[in-house]
Protein backbone atom coordinates (compact mmCIF):
# COMPACT_ATOMS: atom_id res chain seq x y z
CA MET A 1 160.50 70.15 119.68
CA ARG A 2 159.33 66.64 120.43
CA ARG A 3 157.51 64.78 117.68
CA THR A 4 154.14 63.17 118.16
CA PRO A 5 153.73 59.44 117.45
CA ALA A 6 151.83 60.28 114.23
CA GLU A 7 154.69 62.53 113.12
CA TRP A 8 157.21 59.76 113.78
CA VAL A 9 155.11 57.35 111.69
CA MET A 10 155.01 59.86 108.80
CA GLU A 11 158.78 60.44 109.16
CA PHE A 12 159.37 56.69 109.10
CA PHE A 13 157.29 56.18 105.97
CA SER A 14 158.89 59.10 104.15
CA PHE A 15 162.34 57.72 105.00
CA ILE A 16 161.33 54.23 103.82
CA LEU A 17 160.10 55.76 100.56
CA VAL A 18 163.48 57.44 100.01
CA ILE A 19 165.25 54.13 100.65
CA SER A 20 162.82 52.30 98.35
CA VAL A 21 163.60 54.67 95.47
CA PHE A 22 167.32 53.95 95.75
CA ALA A 23 166.70 50.23 96.31
CA GLY A 24 164.30 49.94 93.38
CA LEU A 25 166.76 51.56 91.01
CA TRP A 26 169.61 49.43 92.32
CA ILE A 27 167.60 46.20 92.03
CA TYR A 28 166.34 46.85 88.50
CA TRP A 29 169.36 48.70 87.10
CA HIS A 30 170.58 45.67 85.11
CA GLU A 31 167.10 45.25 83.53
CA LEU A 32 166.86 48.84 82.28
CA PRO A 33 167.35 49.54 78.59
CA GLU A 34 169.79 52.25 77.51
CA LYS A 35 166.85 54.54 76.61
CA VAL A 36 164.53 55.49 79.50
CA PRO A 37 161.75 58.07 79.88
CA THR A 38 162.89 61.37 81.40
CA HIS A 39 159.72 63.45 81.07
CA TYR A 40 155.97 62.89 80.81
CA SER A 41 153.20 64.83 79.08
CA PHE A 42 150.13 66.08 80.91
CA GLY A 43 148.47 62.89 79.76
CA GLY A 44 151.06 60.81 81.60
CA GLU A 45 152.77 59.48 78.48
CA PRO A 46 156.56 59.67 78.07
CA ASP A 47 157.46 62.56 75.76
CA ARG A 48 161.22 62.75 76.31
CA TRP A 49 163.79 59.99 76.58
CA GLY A 50 167.34 59.89 77.90
CA THR A 51 170.12 57.54 78.81
CA LYS A 52 169.87 54.94 81.53
CA SER A 53 172.08 57.06 83.78
CA SER A 54 169.48 59.85 83.72
CA MET A 55 167.42 57.63 86.05
CA LEU A 56 169.85 58.59 88.82
CA ILE A 57 168.26 62.05 88.95
CA LEU A 58 165.05 60.71 90.53
CA PRO A 59 166.48 59.12 93.69
CA PHE A 60 168.86 61.99 94.33
CA THR A 61 166.09 64.55 93.80
CA THR A 62 163.92 62.54 96.20
CA LEU A 63 166.71 62.52 98.77
CA ALA A 64 167.31 66.26 98.31
CA MET A 65 163.61 67.01 98.87
CA TRP A 66 163.57 64.77 101.94
CA LEU A 67 166.65 66.49 103.38
CA LEU A 68 165.34 69.98 102.58
CA LEU A 69 161.98 69.36 104.24
CA THR A 70 163.61 67.61 107.21
CA PHE A 71 165.82 70.67 107.66
CA ALA A 72 162.80 72.97 107.23
CA ALA A 73 160.92 71.14 109.99
CA LYS A 74 163.81 71.81 112.35
CA TYR A 75 164.34 75.43 111.29
CA ASN A 76 160.79 76.42 110.42
CA LYS A 77 161.59 80.11 110.00
CA LEU A 78 163.07 79.12 106.65
CA ILE A 79 159.63 78.11 105.38
CA ASN A 80 158.07 80.92 103.39
CA LEU A 81 154.42 81.16 104.40
CA PRO A 82 151.86 83.27 102.52
CA ILE A 83 150.35 84.42 105.82
CA ASN A 84 151.72 86.27 108.84
CA VAL A 85 151.88 84.18 111.98
CA ASN A 86 153.79 84.41 115.25
CA ARG A 87 156.48 81.81 114.53
CA ASP A 88 157.81 82.11 118.07
CA HIS A 89 154.59 80.78 119.59
CA PRO A 90 154.85 77.05 120.46
CA THR A 91 151.43 76.22 118.97
CA ILE A 92 152.37 77.82 115.65
CA GLN A 93 155.76 76.11 115.71
CA ARG A 94 154.08 72.74 116.28
CA ALA A 95 151.69 73.32 113.35
CA ILE A 96 154.52 74.35 111.02
CA VAL A 97 156.54 71.27 111.96
CA ASN A 98 153.51 69.06 111.33
CA PHE A 99 152.85 70.84 108.02
CA SER A 100 156.42 70.25 106.81
CA ILE A 101 156.27 66.57 107.80
CA VAL A 102 152.96 66.00 105.98
CA LEU A 103 154.18 67.91 102.93
CA LYS A 104 157.39 65.87 102.97
CA LEU A 105 155.40 62.63 102.93
CA VAL A 106 153.30 63.84 99.98
CA ILE A 107 156.31 65.03 97.98
CA VAL A 108 158.50 62.01 98.73
CA GLY A 109 155.56 59.70 98.03
CA THR A 110 155.07 61.45 94.70
CA MET A 111 158.74 61.08 93.82
CA ALA A 112 158.74 57.40 94.85
CA PHE A 113 155.70 56.70 92.69
CA LEU A 114 157.26 58.58 89.77
CA CYS A 115 160.52 56.64 90.08
CA MET A 116 158.86 53.23 90.38
CA GLN A 117 156.48 53.94 87.51
CA THR A 118 159.35 55.22 85.36
CA LEU A 119 161.16 51.95 86.04
CA ARG A 120 158.06 50.07 84.86
CA VAL A 121 157.78 52.20 81.72
CA ALA A 122 161.48 51.74 80.93
CA LYS A 123 161.14 47.97 81.32
CA GLY A 124 158.06 47.91 79.07
CA GLU A 125 155.66 46.95 81.88
CA ALA A 126 153.63 50.17 81.58
CA THR A 127 152.97 52.80 78.91
CA GLY A 128 153.07 55.85 81.18
CA ILE A 129 152.48 57.19 84.67
CA GLY A 130 148.74 57.46 84.17
CA SER A 131 146.62 60.38 83.13
CA VAL A 132 145.33 61.07 86.64
CA PHE A 133 148.79 61.21 88.24
CA LEU A 134 149.27 64.92 87.72
CA VAL A 135 145.75 65.73 88.92
CA LEU A 136 146.01 63.57 92.06
CA ILE A 137 149.41 64.96 93.02
CA GLY A 138 148.27 68.51 92.38
CA VAL A 139 145.14 68.01 94.47
CA ALA A 140 147.07 66.35 97.31
CA THR A 141 149.68 69.10 97.43
CA VAL A 142 147.18 71.96 97.21
CA LEU A 143 144.96 70.28 99.80
CA VAL A 144 147.86 70.06 102.27
CA LEU A 145 148.80 73.70 101.63
CA VAL A 146 145.24 75.04 101.93
CA LEU A 147 144.40 72.99 105.03
CA TYR A 148 147.55 73.99 106.88
CA MET A 149 147.36 77.66 105.90
CA GLY A 150 143.78 77.67 107.22
CA LYS A 151 144.90 75.92 110.39
CA LEU A 152 147.73 78.41 110.91
CA GLN A 153 145.37 81.37 110.37
CA ASN A 154 142.91 79.96 112.91
CA LEU A 155 145.68 79.33 115.44
CA GLN A 156 146.97 82.88 114.95
CA LYS A 157 143.48 84.29 115.56
CA GLN A 158 143.18 82.22 118.75
CA ILE A 159 146.57 83.50 119.95
CA GLU A 160 145.64 87.10 119.19
CA GLY A 161 142.30 86.62 121.01
CA GLN A 162 144.16 85.44 124.14
CA SER A 163 146.34 88.55 124.37
């Protein structure tokens, strides 16, 4: 299925974010102390610490999410949806592809922010990821899910009305 220009832009930015996570860690690796934050409380403050090498989890998790969602966009029947839709219909397929691309950008953007902010905390440039981080990411993710599930339901109703 051909991508729209907007989808290509989102794909480009999500890929750049993945690269930036690896690049940021590579660039600042020598500045990191041996003890780095590995977990944050709901208030955005570090509440668990680990070794410097534990920072490698973030870029590889980001890459894994990017690969998983890229694969899901291509094989959209692997995406578990909470609603029944005709996945063989081209309009539904297009919406699912777009949904996975938007969700990928949100998730990869979240991971990139988390990695870069963790680098700042480890270097002593920040005290945490911010108290609103969890709320904003939760709202963004739920918003994408709700909007696309509504869109898919409406598309399914239109398809059923045509037959």
